């Protein structure tokens, strides 16, 4: 029996040492943040002095030109389309980013005609976007999902990279006719 008690004590001491070592190695503290020393609730230490996120010398992405696409055809400005065709109409952009960090950034759009709207986040820029149109062969943008009423339309688009740096603003405009 003494031998069994001795084994439990040894096992208990080993487990206690292993637990202590794991707390030390993982940076665990009593703050509930896993060793994060900032005042926010993030578990990851996002404000450490040696944090190298690559955003310190980040350059803004650039929208270089706008493309108006109807089905698979590129239209030349001034663009005029029928209301029936507008559900197959899209606005796309040629782009470049010196830092190659636009994948994961965001696409924003703002309508200025026929009515003014606030900036709307159209979503995350895809991972396969690459650094530029020249590198990837892609132009990227949005397509209208429903027929538009006859009117003059205008708006602006911009992108942000993963650092939150905004691109230039690209203006676009077109007319939707009844026929």
C-alpha atoms as a PDB file:
ATOM      1  CA  UNK A   1       0.000   0.000   0.000  1.00  0.00           C
ATOM      2  CA  UNK A   2       2.865   2.356   0.846  1.00  0.00           C
ATOM      3  CA  UNK A   3       4.263   1.736  -2.625  1.00  0.00           C
ATOM      4  CA  UNK A   4       0.958   2.737  -4.254  1.00  0.00           C
ATOM      5  CA  UNK A   5       0.723   5.970  -2.249  1.00  0.00           C
ATOM      6  CA  UNK A   6       4.298   6.804  -3.195  1.00  0.00           C
ATOM      7  CA  UNK A   7       3.479   6.343  -6.909  1.00  0.00           C
ATOM      8  CA  UNK A   8       0.457   8.666  -6.625  1.00  0.00           C
ATOM      9  CA  UNK A   9       2.619  11.343  -4.953  1.00  0.00           C
ATOM     10  CA  UNK A  10       5.237  11.091  -7.697  1.00  0.00           C
ATOM     11  CA  UNK A  11       2.537  11.210 -10.378  1.00  0.00           C
ATOM     12  CA  UNK A  12       0.941  14.243  -8.692  1.00  0.00           C
ATOM     13  CA  UNK A  13       4.262  16.096  -8.540  1.00  0.00           C
ATOM     14  CA  UNK A  14       4.992  15.317 -12.212  1.00  0.00           C
ATOM     15  CA  UNK A  15       1.546  16.557 -13.272  1.00  0.00           C
ATOM     16  CA  UNK A  16       1.954  19.732 -11.201  1.00  0.00           C
ATOM     17  CA  UNK A  17       5.342  20.420 -12.798  1.00  0.00           C
ATOM     18  CA  UNK A  18       3.953  19.753 -16.277  1.00  0.00           C
ATOM     19  CA  UNK A  19       1.056  22.151 -15.632  1.00  0.00           C
ATOM     20  CA  UNK A  20       3.413  24.852 -14.350  1.00  0.00           C
ATOM     21  CA  UNK A  21       5.718  24.414 -17.344  1.00  0.00           C
ATOM     22  CA  UNK A  22       2.813  24.645 -19.780  1.00  0.00           C
ATOM     23  CA  UNK A  23       1.578  27.880 -18.156  1.00  0.00           C
ATOM     24  CA  UNK A  24       5.062  29.372 -18.376  1.00  0.00           C
ATOM     25  CA  UNK A  25       5.663  28.248 -21.988  1.00  0.00           C
ATOM     26  CA  UNK A  26       2.290  29.473 -23.242  1.00  0.00           C
ATOM     27  CA  UNK A  27       2.524  32.829 -21.513  1.00  0.00           C
ATOM     28  CA  UNK A  28      -0.471  32.108 -19.376  1.00  0.00           C
ATOM     29  CA  UNK A  29      -1.129  34.594 -16.669  1.00  0.00           C
ATOM     30  CA  UNK A  30      -3.940  35.361 -14.343  1.00  0.00           C
ATOM     31  CA  UNK A  31      -5.312  38.071 -16.653  1.00  0.00           C
ATOM     32  CA  UNK A  32      -7.498  35.727 -18.716  1.00  0.00           C
ATOM     33  CA  UNK A  33      -5.854  36.950 -21.918  1.00  0.00           C
ATOM     34  CA  UNK A  34      -3.218  34.247 -22.260  1.00  0.00           C
ATOM     35  CA  UNK A  35      -0.395  36.678 -21.539  1.00  0.00           C
ATOM     36  CA  UNK A  36      -1.685  39.537 -23.737  1.00  0.00           C
ATOM     37  CA  UNK A  37      -0.446  42.696 -22.030  1.00  0.00           C
ATOM     38  CA  UNK A  38      -2.710  45.283 -23.642  1.00  0.00           C
ATOM     39  CA  UNK A  39      -5.980  46.670 -22.367  1.00  0.00           C
ATOM     40  CA  UNK A  40      -8.289  45.198 -25.019  1.00  0.00           C
ATOM     41  CA  UNK A  41     -10.029  41.833 -24.873  1.00  0.00           C
ATOM     42  CA  UNK A  42      -8.023  40.275 -27.707  1.00  0.00           C
ATOM     43  CA  UNK A  43      -6.258  37.054 -26.821  1.00  0.00           C
ATOM     44  CA  UNK A  44      -3.439  37.722 -29.285  1.00  0.00           C
ATOM     45  CA  UNK A  45      -0.925  40.382 -28.258  1.00  0.00           C
ATOM     46  CA  UNK A  46      -1.572  42.807 -31.098  1.00  0.00           C
ATOM     47  CA  UNK A  47       0.336  45.772 -29.713  1.00  0.00           C
ATOM     48  CA  UNK A  48       3.689  44.243 -28.906  1.00  0.00           C
ATOM     49  CA  UNK A  49       6.755  46.330 -29.743  1.00  0.00           C
ATOM     50  CA  UNK A  50       8.170  43.542 -31.889  1.00  0.00           C
ATOM     51  CA  UNK A  51       4.910  42.990 -33.792  1.00  0.00           C
ATOM     52  CA  UNK A  52       5.840  43.141 -37.484  1.00  0.00           C
ATOM     53  CA  UNK A  53       2.552  43.157 -39.361  1.00  0.00           C
ATOM     54  CA  UNK A  54       4.019  44.770 -42.502  1.00  0.00           C
ATOM     55  CA  UNK A  55       1.695  47.758 -42.304  1.00  0.00           C
ATOM     56  CA  UNK A  56       4.234  50.328 -41.075  1.00  0.00           C
ATOM     57  CA  UNK A  57       5.483  51.218 -44.558  1.00  0.00           C
ATOM     58  CA  UNK A  58       2.357  50.194 -46.438  1.00  0.00           C
ATOM     59  CA  UNK A  59       1.399  51.890 -49.712  1.00  0.00           C
ATOM     60  CA  UNK A  60      -2.176  52.518 -50.801  1.00  0.00           C
ATOM     61  CA  UNK A  61      -3.630  50.196 -53.439  1.00  0.00           C
ATOM     62  CA  UNK A  62      -4.551  51.877 -56.723  1.00  0.00           C
ATOM     63  CA  UNK A  63      -7.657  51.610 -58.865  1.00  0.00           C
ATOM     64  CA  UNK A  64      -6.283  52.408 -62.329  1.00  0.00           C
ATOM     65  CA  UNK A  65      -9.286  52.402 -64.644  1.00  0.00           C
ATOM     66  CA  UNK A  66     -12.949  51.487 -64.806  1.00  0.00           C
ATOM     67  CA  UNK A  67     -14.450  48.924 -67.190  1.00  0.00           C
ATOM     68  CA  UNK A  68     -18.133  48.701 -68.068  1.00  0.00           C
ATOM     69  CA  UNK A  69     -19.094  45.112 -68.924  1.00  0.00           C
ATOM     70  CA  UNK A  70     -22.416  43.952 -70.381  1.00  0.00           C
ATOM     71  CA  UNK A  71     -22.480  40.153 -70.497  1.00  0.00           C
ATOM     72  CA  UNK A  72     -19.043  39.465 -71.974  1.00  0.00           C
ATOM     73  CA  UNK A  73     -18.771  42.745 -73.927  1.00  0.00           C
ATOM     74  CA  UNK A  74     -16.777  45.766 -72.829  1.00  0.00           C
ATOM     75  CA  UNK A  75     -18.658  49.030 -73.370  1.00  0.00           C
ATOM     76  CA  UNK A  76     -17.003  52.352 -74.181  1.00  0.00           C
ATOM     77  CA  UNK A  77     -18.111  55.509 -72.316  1.00  0.00           C
ATOM     78  CA  UNK A  78     -20.474  57.235 -72.396  1.00  0.00           C
ATOM     79  CA  UNK A  79     -22.326  54.051 -71.446  1.00  0.00           C
ATOM     80  CA  UNK A  80     -26.037  53.662 -72.123  1.00  0.00           C
ATOM     81  CA  UNK A  81     -27.844  50.363 -71.540  1.00  0.00           C
ATOM     82  CA  UNK A  82     -31.472  49.266 -71.521  1.00  0.00           C
ATOM     83  CA  UNK A  83     -33.302  48.487 -68.308  1.00  0.00           C
ATOM     84  CA  UNK A  84     -33.687  44.876 -69.493  1.00  0.00           C
ATOM     85  CA  UNK A  85     -29.892  44.544 -69.956  1.00  0.00           C
ATOM     86  CA  UNK A  86     -28.974  46.169 -66.636  1.00  0.00           C
ATOM     87  CA  UNK A  87     -29.236  42.903 -64.657  1.00  0.00           C
ATOM     88  CA  UNK A  88     -26.270  41.605 -66.729  1.00  0.00           C
ATOM     89  CA  UNK A  89     -24.255  44.800 -66.378  1.00  0.00           C
ATOM     90  CA  UNK A  90     -21.169  45.218 -64.227  1.00  0.00           C
ATOM     91  CA  UNK A  91     -18.537  47.750 -63.283  1.00  0.00           C
ATOM     92  CA  UNK A  92     -14.991  46.432 -62.943  1.00  0.00           C
ATOM     93  CA  UNK A  93     -11.618  47.927 -62.130  1.00  0.00           C
ATOM     94  CA  UNK A  94      -8.035  47.534 -63.202  1.00  0.00           C
ATOM     95  CA  UNK A  95      -5.887  47.640 -60.061  1.00  0.00           C
ATOM     96  CA  UNK A  96      -2.358  47.483 -58.664  1.00  0.00           C
ATOM     97  CA  UNK A  97      -0.916  47.199 -55.166  1.00  0.00           C
ATOM     98  CA  UNK A  98       2.803  47.629 -54.582  1.00  0.00           C
ATOM     99  CA  UNK A  99       2.637  45.742 -51.273  1.00  0.00           C
ATOM    100  CA  UNK A 100       0.509  42.925 -52.695  1.00  0.00           C
ATOM    101  CA  UNK A 101      -1.825  42.916 -49.695  1.00  0.00           C
ATOM    102  CA  UNK A 102      -5.234  43.681 -51.208  1.00  0.00           C
ATOM    103  CA  UNK A 103      -6.480  40.079 -50.941  1.00  0.00           C
ATOM    104  CA  UNK A 104      -8.407  40.090 -47.675  1.00  0.00           C
ATOM    105  CA  UNK A 105      -9.050  43.840 -47.881  1.00  0.00           C
ATOM    106  CA  UNK A 106     -12.494  45.286 -48.611  1.00  0.00           C
ATOM    107  CA  UNK A 107     -14.438  46.695 -51.571  1.00  0.00           C
ATOM    108  CA  UNK A 108     -16.565  49.804 -50.927  1.00  0.00           C
ATOM    109  CA  UNK A 109     -19.151  51.416 -53.147  1.00  0.00           C
ATOM    110  CA  UNK A 110     -21.158  54.625 -52.951  1.00  0.00           C
ATOM    111  CA  UNK A 111     -23.956  55.701 -55.267  1.00  0.00           C
ATOM    112  CA  UNK A 112     -24.206  59.427 -56.067  1.00  0.00           C
ATOM    113  CA  UNK A 113     -27.013  59.384 -58.706  1.00  0.00           C
ATOM    114  CA  UNK A 114     -29.983  59.079 -58.884  1.00  0.00           C
ATOM    115  CA  UNK A 115     -29.816  59.246 -55.080  1.00  0.00           C
ATOM    116  CA  UNK A 116     -26.869  59.749 -52.743  1.00  0.00           C
ATOM    117  CA  UNK A 117     -25.944  56.806 -50.512  1.00  0.00           C
ATOM    118  CA  UNK A 118     -23.369  56.141 -47.803  1.00  0.00           C
ATOM    119  CA  UNK A 119     -20.327  53.971 -48.433  1.00  0.00           C
ATOM    120  CA  UNK A 120     -21.370  50.317 -48.513  1.00  0.00           C
ATOM    121  CA  UNK A 121     -18.978  47.447 -47.850  1.00  0.00           C
ATOM    122  CA  UNK A 122     -19.430  45.018 -50.747  1.00  0.00           C
ATOM    123  CA  UNK A 123     -17.274  42.401 -49.064  1.00  0.00           C
ATOM    124  CA  UNK A 124     -13.803  40.969 -48.755  1.00  0.00           C
ATOM    125  CA  UNK A 125     -11.481  41.030 -51.763  1.00  0.00           C
ATOM    126  CA  UNK A 126     -10.701  37.425 -52.786  1.00  0.00           C
ATOM    127  CA  UNK A 127      -7.425  35.653 -52.046  1.00  0.00           C
ATOM    128  CA  UNK A 128      -6.721  34.895 -55.728  1.00  0.00           C
ATOM    129  CA  UNK A 129      -6.837  38.589 -56.707  1.00  0.00           C
ATOM    130  CA  UNK A 130      -3.052  38.875 -56.720  1.00  0.00           C
ATOM    131  CA  UNK A 131      -1.015  42.076 -56.753  1.00  0.00           C
ATOM    132  CA  UNK A 132      -2.311  43.716 -59.915  1.00  0.00           C
ATOM    133  CA  UNK A 133      -4.327  43.290 -63.078  1.00  0.00           C
ATOM    134  CA  UNK A 134      -1.020  43.105 -64.962  1.00  0.00           C
ATOM    135  CA  UNK A 135       0.085  40.119 -62.825  1.00  0.00           C
ATOM    136  CA  UNK A 136      -3.219  38.280 -62.483  1.00  0.00           C
ATOM    137  CA  UNK A 137      -4.992  39.137 -65.723  1.00  0.00           C
ATOM    138  CA  UNK A 138      -8.099  39.959 -63.652  1.00  0.00           C
ATOM    139  CA  UNK A 139     -10.268  43.003 -63.464  1.00  0.00           C
ATOM    140  CA  UNK A 140     -12.505  42.931 -60.412  1.00  0.00           C
ATOM    141  CA  UNK A 141     -15.785  44.628 -59.607  1.00  0.00           C
ATOM    142  CA  UNK A 142     -19.483  44.112 -59.177  1.00  0.00           C
ATOM    143  CA  UNK A 143     -22.521  43.201 -61.261  1.00  0.00           C
ATOM    144  CA  UNK A 144     -26.028  44.512 -60.744  1.00  0.00           C
ATOM    145  CA  UNK A 145     -28.269  41.644 -59.673  1.00  0.00           C
ATOM    146  CA  UNK A 146     -31.612  43.132 -60.737  1.00  0.00           C
ATOM    147  CA  UNK A 147     -32.915  45.330 -63.530  1.00  0.00           C
ATOM    148  CA  UNK A 148     -32.425  49.049 -62.893  1.00  0.00           C
ATOM    149  CA  UNK A 149     -35.016  51.714 -63.513  1.00  0.00           C
ATOM    150  CA  UNK A 150     -34.362  54.164 -66.346  1.00  0.00           C
ATOM    151  CA  UNK A 151     -32.183  57.012 -64.974  1.00  0.00           C
ATOM    152  CA  UNK A 152     -28.680  58.430 -64.921  1.00  0.00           C
ATOM    153  CA  UNK A 153     -26.500  56.509 -62.468  1.00  0.00           C
ATOM    154  CA  UNK A 154     -23.197  57.554 -60.960  1.00  0.00           C
ATOM    155  CA  UNK A 155     -21.106  56.427 -58.055  1.00  0.00           C
ATOM    156  CA  UNK A 156     -17.698  55.881 -56.586  1.00  0.00           C
ATOM    157  CA  UNK A 157     -15.706  52.840 -55.583  1.00  0.00           C
ATOM    158  CA  UNK A 158     -12.631  52.311 -53.435  1.00  0.00           C
ATOM    159  CA  UNK A 159     -10.717  49.394 -51.964  1.00  0.00           C
ATOM    160  CA  UNK A 160      -8.794  48.895 -48.768  1.00  0.00           C
ATOM    161  CA  UNK A 161      -5.921  46.500 -48.275  1.00  0.00           C
ATOM    162  CA  UNK A 162      -5.517  44.258 -45.232  1.00  0.00           C
ATOM    163  CA  UNK A 163      -3.857  47.150 -43.376  1.00  0.00           C
ATOM    164  CA  UNK A 164      -6.968  49.294 -43.859  1.00  0.00           C
ATOM    165  CA  UNK A 165      -5.187  51.680 -46.246  1.00  0.00           C
ATOM    166  CA  UNK A 166      -7.665  53.118 -48.744  1.00  0.00           C
ATOM    167  CA  UNK A 167      -7.132  53.241 -52.475  1.00  0.00           C
ATOM    168  CA  UNK A 168      -7.928  56.250 -54.585  1.00  0.00           C
ATOM    169  CA  UNK A 169     -11.622  56.751 -55.325  1.00  0.00           C
ATOM    170  CA  UNK A 170     -12.736  55.746 -58.823  1.00  0.00           C
ATOM    171  CA  UNK A 171     -15.809  57.467 -60.279  1.00  0.00           C
ATOM    172  CA  UNK A 172     -18.210  55.654 -62.586  1.00  0.00           C
ATOM    173  CA  UNK A 173     -21.366  56.644 -64.461  1.00  0.00           C
ATOM    174  CA  UNK A 174     -23.864  55.237 -66.942  1.00  0.00           C
ATOM    175  CA  UNK A 175     -27.395  55.728 -68.202  1.00  0.00           C
ATOM    176  CA  UNK A 176     -30.223  53.194 -68.141  1.00  0.00           C
ATOM    177  CA  UNK A 177     -32.890  53.691 -70.793  1.00  0.00           C
ATOM    178  CA  UNK A 178     -36.383  52.186 -71.054  1.00  0.00           C
ATOM    179  CA  UNK A 179     -35.503  50.223 -74.200  1.00  0.00           C
END
